[in-house]
PDB file of N, CA and C in Angstrom:
ATOM      1  N   UNK A   1      12.841  20.910  18.438  1.00  0.00           N
ATOM      2  CA  UNK A   1      11.452  19.853  18.867  1.00  0.00           C
ATOM      3  C   UNK A   1      12.161  18.918  18.294  1.00  0.00           C
ATOM      4  N   UNK A   2      12.275  17.735  19.320  1.00  0.00           N
ATOM      5  CA  UNK A   2      12.782  16.300  19.346  1.00  0.00           C
ATOM      6  C   UNK A   2      11.818  15.713  18.197  1.00  0.00           C
ATOM      7  N   UNK A   3      12.276  14.534  17.283  1.00  0.00           N
ATOM      8  CA  UNK A   3      12.085  13.770  16.360  1.00  0.00           C
ATOM      9  C   UNK A   3      10.786  13.331  16.693  1.00  0.00           C
ATOM     10  N   UNK A   4      10.685  12.600  17.827  1.00  0.00           N
ATOM     11  CA  UNK A   4       9.384  11.877  18.331  1.00  0.00           C
ATOM     12  C   UNK A   4       7.926  12.684  18.721  1.00  0.00           C
ATOM     13  N   UNK A   5       8.272  14.342  19.019  1.00  0.00           N
ATOM     14  CA  UNK A   5       7.434  15.402  19.143  1.00  0.00           C
ATOM     15  C   UNK A   5       7.115  15.449  17.542  1.00  0.00           C
ATOM     16  N   UNK A   6       7.727  15.487  16.729  1.00  0.00           N
ATOM     17  CA  UNK A   6       7.629  16.161  15.447  1.00  0.00           C
ATOM     18  C   UNK A   6       6.801  14.928  14.724  1.00  0.00           C
ATOM     19  N   UNK A   7       6.977  13.782  14.785  1.00  0.00           N
ATOM     20  CA  UNK A   7       6.106  13.036  14.343  1.00  0.00           C
ATOM     21  C   UNK A   7       4.570  12.567  15.124  1.00  0.00           C
ATOM     22  N   UNK A   8       4.954  13.167  16.491  1.00  0.00           N
ATOM     23  CA  UNK A   8       3.244  12.934  16.893  1.00  0.00           C
ATOM     24  C   UNK A   8       2.759  14.416  16.403  1.00  0.00           C
ATOM     25  N   UNK A   9       3.239  15.156  16.102  1.00  0.00           N
ATOM     26  CA  UNK A   9       2.395  16.358  15.571  1.00  0.00           C
ATOM     27  C   UNK A   9       2.022  16.281  14.266  1.00  0.00           C
ATOM     28  N   UNK A  10       3.179  15.457  13.412  1.00  0.00           N
ATOM     29  CA  UNK A  10       2.742  15.333  12.128  1.00  0.00           C
ATOM     30  C   UNK A  10       1.521  14.646  12.319  1.00  0.00           C
ATOM     31  N   UNK A  11       1.404  13.556  12.772  1.00  0.00           N
ATOM     32  CA  UNK A  11       0.090  12.391  13.318  1.00  0.00           C
ATOM     33  C   UNK A  11      -1.050  13.445  13.629  1.00  0.00           C
ATOM     34  N   UNK A  12      -0.902  14.231  14.501  1.00  0.00           N
ATOM     35  CA  UNK A  12      -2.181  15.253  15.028  1.00  0.00           C
ATOM     36  C   UNK A  12      -2.659  15.778  14.434  1.00  0.00           C
ATOM     37  N   UNK A  13      -2.099  16.128  12.915  1.00  0.00           N
ATOM     38  CA  UNK A  13      -2.236  16.872  12.321  1.00  0.00           C
ATOM     39  C   UNK A  13      -2.822  16.275  10.700  1.00  0.00           C
ATOM     40  N   UNK A  14      -3.268  14.658  10.963  1.00  0.00           N
ATOM     41  CA  UNK A  14      -3.229  14.272   9.844  1.00  0.00           C
ATOM     42  C   UNK A  14      -4.697  13.668   9.895  1.00  0.00           C
ATOM     43  N   UNK A  15      -5.503  13.024   8.307  1.00  0.00           N
ATOM     44  CA  UNK A  15      -6.588  12.598   8.430  1.00  0.00           C
ATOM     45  C   UNK A  15      -6.918  11.688   8.477  1.00  0.00           C
ATOM     46  N   UNK A  16      -8.234  10.906   8.841  1.00  0.00           N
ATOM     47  CA  UNK A  16      -8.264   9.357   8.920  1.00  0.00           C
ATOM     48  C   UNK A  16      -7.533   8.763   7.864  1.00  0.00           C
ATOM     49  N   UNK A  17      -7.619   9.431   6.627  1.00  0.00           N
ATOM     50  CA  UNK A  17      -7.174   8.700   5.522  1.00  0.00           C
ATOM     51  C   UNK A  17      -5.681   8.832   4.906  1.00  0.00           C
ATOM     52  N   UNK A  18      -4.810   9.353   6.177  1.00  0.00           N
ATOM     53  CA  UNK A  18      -3.558   9.472   6.405  1.00  0.00           C
ATOM     54  C   UNK A  18      -2.716  10.670   5.515  1.00  0.00           C
ATOM     55  N   UNK A  19      -4.030  11.409   4.830  1.00  0.00           N
ATOM     56  CA  UNK A  19      -3.114  13.045   4.710  1.00  0.00           C
ATOM     57  C   UNK A  19      -3.225  13.788   5.328  1.00  0.00           C
ATOM     58  N   UNK A  20      -2.213  15.195   5.023  1.00  0.00           N
ATOM     59  CA  UNK A  20      -2.479  16.127   5.809  1.00  0.00           C
ATOM     60  C   UNK A  20      -3.786  16.861   5.980  1.00  0.00           C
ATOM     61  N   UNK A  21      -4.324  17.538   7.224  1.00  0.00           N
ATOM     62  CA  UNK A  21      -5.318  18.602   7.249  1.00  0.00           C
ATOM     63  C   UNK A  21      -5.022  19.755   6.277  1.00  0.00           C
ATOM     64  N   UNK A  22      -5.925  20.273   5.798  1.00  0.00           N
ATOM     65  CA  UNK A  22      -5.729  21.407   4.950  1.00  0.00           C
ATOM     66  C   UNK A  22      -5.482  22.770   6.219  1.00  0.00           C
ATOM     67  N   UNK A  23      -5.767  22.856   6.762  1.00  0.00           N
ATOM     68  CA  UNK A  23      -5.269  23.682   7.643  1.00  0.00           C
ATOM     69  C   UNK A  23      -3.870  23.712   8.189  1.00  0.00           C
ATOM     70  N   UNK A  24      -3.242  22.649   8.495  1.00  0.00           N
ATOM     71  CA  UNK A  24      -2.337  22.283   8.630  1.00  0.00           C
ATOM     72  C   UNK A  24      -1.007  22.747   7.412  1.00  0.00           C
ATOM     73  N   UNK A  25      -1.559  22.223   6.143  1.00  0.00           N
ATOM     74  CA  UNK A  25      -0.800  22.712   5.247  1.00  0.00           C
ATOM     75  C   UNK A  25      -0.597  23.940   4.729  1.00  0.00           C
ATOM     76  N   UNK A  26      -2.037  24.610   4.977  1.00  0.00           N
ATOM     77  CA  UNK A  26      -1.863  25.874   4.983  1.00  0.00           C
ATOM     78  C   UNK A  26      -0.913  26.790   5.869  1.00  0.00           C
ATOM     79  N   UNK A  27      -0.693  26.492   6.939  1.00  0.00           N
ATOM     80  CA  UNK A  27      -0.068  27.449   7.938  1.00  0.00           C
ATOM     81  C   UNK A  27       0.982  26.815   8.035  1.00  0.00           C
ATOM     82  N   UNK A  28       1.525  25.538   7.748  1.00  0.00           N
ATOM     83  CA  UNK A  28       2.603  24.891   8.087  1.00  0.00           C
ATOM     84  C   UNK A  28       3.468  24.839   6.706  1.00  0.00           C
ATOM     85  N   UNK A  29       2.890  23.911   5.946  1.00  0.00           N
ATOM     86  CA  UNK A  29       4.040  23.635   5.083  1.00  0.00           C
ATOM     87  C   UNK A  29       4.075  24.927   3.837  1.00  0.00           C
ATOM     88  N   UNK A  30       2.420  25.450   3.726  1.00  0.00           N
ATOM     89  CA  UNK A  30       3.317  26.880   3.055  1.00  0.00           C
ATOM     90  C   UNK A  30       4.470  27.853   3.069  1.00  0.00           C
ATOM     91  N   UNK A  31       4.966  27.542   4.428  1.00  0.00           N
ATOM     92  CA  UNK A  31       5.854  28.386   4.676  1.00  0.00           C
ATOM     93  C   UNK A  31       7.606  28.177   4.019  1.00  0.00           C
ATOM     94  N   UNK A  32       6.867  26.903   3.505  1.00  0.00           N
ATOM     95  CA  UNK A  32       8.469  26.199   2.748  1.00  0.00           C
ATOM     96  C   UNK A  32       8.512  26.878   1.427  1.00  0.00           C
ATOM     97  N   UNK A  33       9.939  26.818   0.861  1.00  0.00           N
ATOM     98  CA  UNK A  33       9.760  27.222  -0.613  1.00  0.00           C
ATOM     99  C   UNK A  33       9.619  26.576  -1.353  1.00  0.00           C
ATOM    100  N   UNK A  34       9.162  26.258  -2.955  1.00  0.00           N
ATOM    101  CA  UNK A  34       9.223  25.159  -3.628  1.00  0.00           C
ATOM    102  C   UNK A  34      10.432  23.978  -3.552  1.00  0.00           C
ATOM    103  N   UNK A  35      11.689  24.829  -3.209  1.00  0.00           N
ATOM    104  CA  UNK A  35      12.882  23.712  -3.327  1.00  0.00           C
ATOM    105  C   UNK A  35      12.650  23.247  -2.179  1.00  0.00           C
ATOM    106  N   UNK A  36      12.794  23.593  -1.341  1.00  0.00           N
ATOM    107  CA  UNK A  36      12.691  22.968   0.033  1.00  0.00           C
ATOM    108  C   UNK A  36      11.506  21.734  -0.023  1.00  0.00           C
ATOM    109  N   UNK A  37      10.256  21.953  -0.235  1.00  0.00           N
ATOM    110  CA  UNK A  37       9.139  20.822  -0.941  1.00  0.00           C
ATOM    111  C   UNK A  37       9.293  20.171  -1.708  1.00  0.00           C
ATOM    112  N   UNK A  38      10.139  20.371  -2.718  1.00  0.00           N
ATOM    113  CA  UNK A  38      10.692  19.318  -3.858  1.00  0.00           C
ATOM    114  C   UNK A  38      11.716  18.570  -2.822  1.00  0.00           C
ATOM    115  N   UNK A  39      12.759  18.994  -2.056  1.00  0.00           N
ATOM    116  CA  UNK A  39      13.428  17.864  -1.345  1.00  0.00           C
ATOM    117  C   UNK A  39      12.911  16.926  -0.300  1.00  0.00           C
ATOM    118  N   UNK A  40      11.565  17.432   0.168  1.00  0.00           N
ATOM    119  CA  UNK A  40      10.877  16.615   1.176  1.00  0.00           C
ATOM    120  C   UNK A  40      10.440  15.284   0.600  1.00  0.00           C
ATOM    121  N   UNK A  41       9.733  15.885  -0.489  1.00  0.00           N
ATOM    122  CA  UNK A  41       9.108  15.029  -1.675  1.00  0.00           C
ATOM    123  C   UNK A  41       9.988  13.654  -1.640  1.00  0.00           C
ATOM    124  N   UNK A  42      11.313  14.127  -2.035  1.00  0.00           N
ATOM    125  CA  UNK A  42      12.414  13.191  -3.149  1.00  0.00           C
ATOM    126  C   UNK A  42      12.715  12.625  -1.398  1.00  0.00           C
ATOM    127  N   UNK A  43      12.775  12.823  -0.551  1.00  0.00           N
ATOM    128  CA  UNK A  43      13.400  11.720   0.614  1.00  0.00           C
ATOM    129  C   UNK A  43      11.957  11.164   1.134  1.00  0.00           C
ATOM    130  N   UNK A  44      11.048  11.617   1.383  1.00  0.00           N
ATOM    131  CA  UNK A  44       9.804  10.571   1.533  1.00  0.00           C
ATOM    132  C   UNK A  44       9.822   9.703   0.520  1.00  0.00           C
ATOM    133  N   UNK A  45       9.901   9.873  -0.927  1.00  0.00           N
ATOM    134  CA  UNK A  45      10.107   8.935  -1.943  1.00  0.00           C
ATOM    135  C   UNK A  45      11.401   8.029  -1.743  1.00  0.00           C
ATOM    136  N   UNK A  46      12.186   8.303  -1.201  1.00  0.00           N
ATOM    137  CA  UNK A  46      13.375   7.352  -0.625  1.00  0.00           C
ATOM    138  C   UNK A  46      13.068   6.527   0.360  1.00  0.00           C
ATOM    139  N   UNK A  47      12.101   7.404   1.390  1.00  0.00           N
ATOM    140  CA  UNK A  47      12.135   6.017   2.512  1.00  0.00           C
ATOM    141  C   UNK A  47      10.948   5.126   2.116  1.00  0.00           C
ATOM    142  N   UNK A  48      10.061   5.552   1.487  1.00  0.00           N
ATOM    143  CA  UNK A  48       9.111   4.577   0.900  1.00  0.00           C
ATOM    144  C   UNK A  48       9.744   3.632  -0.057  1.00  0.00           C
ATOM    145  N   UNK A  49      10.853   3.846  -0.724  1.00  0.00           N
ATOM    146  CA  UNK A  49      11.244   2.825  -1.914  1.00  0.00           C
ATOM    147  C   UNK A  49      12.205   1.982  -1.133  1.00  0.00           C
ATOM    148  N   UNK A  50      12.714   2.530  -0.104  1.00  0.00           N
ATOM    149  CA  UNK A  50      13.921   1.526   0.864  1.00  0.00           C
ATOM    150  C   UNK A  50      12.819   0.689   1.961  1.00  0.00           C
ATOM    151  N   UNK A  51      11.116   0.932   2.172  1.00  0.00           N
ATOM    152  CA  UNK A  51      10.398   0.325   2.962  1.00  0.00           C
ATOM    153  C   UNK A  51       9.833  -1.121   2.069  1.00  0.00           C
ATOM    154  N   UNK A  52       9.626  -0.626   0.975  1.00  0.00           N
ATOM    155  CA  UNK A  52       9.064  -1.661  -0.148  1.00  0.00           C
ATOM    156  C   UNK A  52      10.033  -2.866  -0.304  1.00  0.00           C
ATOM    157  N   UNK A  53      11.132  -2.225  -0.285  1.00  0.00           N
ATOM    158  CA  UNK A  53      12.372  -3.166  -0.638  1.00  0.00           C
ATOM    159  C   UNK A  53      12.983  -4.097   0.354  1.00  0.00           C
ATOM    160  N   UNK A  54      12.358  -3.606   1.117  1.00  0.00           N
ATOM    161  CA  UNK A  54      12.220  -4.463   2.718  1.00  0.00           C
ATOM    162  C   UNK A  54      11.735  -5.394   2.979  1.00  0.00           C
ATOM    163  N   UNK A  55      10.447  -5.305   2.289  1.00  0.00           N
ATOM    164  CA  UNK A  55       9.275  -6.130   1.960  1.00  0.00           C
ATOM    165  C   UNK A  55       9.385  -7.279   1.166  1.00  0.00           C
ATOM    166  N   UNK A  56       9.829  -6.711   0.102  1.00  0.00           N
ATOM    167  CA  UNK A  56      10.426  -7.584  -0.865  1.00  0.00           C
ATOM    168  C   UNK A  56      10.834  -8.593  -0.612  1.00  0.00           C
ATOM    169  N   UNK A  57      12.130  -7.806   0.121  1.00  0.00           N
ATOM    170  CA  UNK A  57      13.315  -8.726   0.638  1.00  0.00           C
ATOM    171  C   UNK A  57      12.922  -9.993   1.381  1.00  0.00           C
ATOM    172  N   UNK A  58      11.894  -9.477   2.484  1.00  0.00           N
ATOM    173  CA  UNK A  58      11.576 -10.354   3.723  1.00  0.00           C
ATOM    174  C   UNK A  58      10.497 -11.589   2.960  1.00  0.00           C
ATOM    175  N   UNK A  59       9.653 -11.086   2.086  1.00  0.00           N
ATOM    176  CA  UNK A  59       9.073 -12.306   1.017  1.00  0.00           C
ATOM    177  C   UNK A  59       9.551 -12.804   0.290  1.00  0.00           C
ATOM    178  N   UNK A  60      11.254 -12.675  -0.358  1.00  0.00           N
ATOM    179  CA  UNK A  60      12.031 -13.343  -0.940  1.00  0.00           C
ATOM    180  C   UNK A  60      12.394 -14.378  -0.132  1.00  0.00           C
ATOM    181  N   UNK A  61      13.285 -13.876   1.131  1.00  0.00           N
ATOM    182  CA  UNK A  61      13.434 -14.847   2.169  1.00  0.00           C
ATOM    183  C   UNK A  61      12.658 -16.150   2.570  1.00  0.00           C
ATOM    184  N   UNK A  62      11.195 -15.565   2.810  1.00  0.00           N
ATOM    185  CA  UNK A  62      10.466 -16.457   3.227  1.00  0.00           C
ATOM    186  C   UNK A  62      10.424 -17.683   2.370  1.00  0.00           C
ATOM    187  N   UNK A  63      10.240 -17.340   0.749  1.00  0.00           N
ATOM    188  CA  UNK A  63       9.832 -17.937  -0.057  1.00  0.00           C
ATOM    189  C   UNK A  63      11.171 -19.240  -0.597  1.00  0.00           C
ATOM    190  N   UNK A  64      12.392 -18.442  -0.186  1.00  0.00           N
ATOM    191  CA  UNK A  64      13.512 -18.986  -0.475  1.00  0.00           C
ATOM    192  C   UNK A  64      13.725 -20.307   0.474  1.00  0.00           C
ATOM    193  N   UNK A  65      13.397 -20.126   2.213  1.00  0.00           N
ATOM    194  CA  UNK A  65      13.535 -20.906   3.073  1.00  0.00           C
ATOM    195  C   UNK A  65      12.195 -22.055   2.814  1.00  0.00           C
ATOM    196  N   UNK A  66      11.184 -21.874   1.792  1.00  0.00           N
ATOM    197  CA  UNK A  66      10.172 -22.994   1.353  1.00  0.00           C
ATOM    198  C   UNK A  66      11.067 -23.716   0.505  1.00  0.00           C
ATOM    199  N   UNK A  67      12.004 -23.547  -0.231  1.00  0.00           N
ATOM    200  CA  UNK A  67      12.604 -24.223  -0.932  1.00  0.00           C
ATOM    201  C   UNK A  67      12.314 -23.582  -2.284  1.00  0.00           C
ATOM    202  N   UNK A  68      11.525 -22.594  -2.519  1.00  0.00           N
ATOM    203  CA  UNK A  68      11.384 -21.476  -4.072  1.00  0.00           C
ATOM    204  C   UNK A  68      12.572 -21.089  -4.519  1.00  0.00           C
ATOM    205  N   UNK A  69      12.650 -21.097  -5.764  1.00  0.00           N
ATOM    206  CA  UNK A  69      13.690 -20.389  -6.300  1.00  0.00           C
ATOM    207  C   UNK A  69      13.402 -19.010  -6.611  1.00  0.00           C
ATOM    208  N   UNK A  70      13.639 -18.097  -6.069  1.00  0.00           N
ATOM    209  CA  UNK A  70      12.882 -16.658  -6.645  1.00  0.00           C
ATOM    210  C   UNK A  70      13.748 -16.016  -7.429  1.00  0.00           C
ATOM    211  N   UNK A  71      12.963 -15.425  -8.879  1.00  0.00           N
ATOM    212  CA  UNK A  71      14.264 -14.840  -9.428  1.00  0.00           C
ATOM    213  C   UNK A  71      12.759 -13.561 -10.146  1.00  0.00           C
ATOM    214  N   UNK A  72      13.472 -12.585 -10.547  1.00  0.00           N
ATOM    215  CA  UNK A  72      12.938 -11.527 -10.989  1.00  0.00           C
ATOM    216  C   UNK A  72      12.847 -11.438 -12.549  1.00  0.00           C
TER     217      UNK A  72
END
């Protein structure tokens, strides 16, 4: 399965609130071991953190371009 196909497969098995459908979880995710699921979780958290940092960096750059000094 190619990455784009996998993404579409996940999206087709998601609810409107962004969570996975219970049937998908039962038939797909339940096949993975606890260690594999923990690995998925860590990877997802890392991606989310990096995306959040990109947003923060963009806002800092915007404020800096307006002449504000941004410090943490």
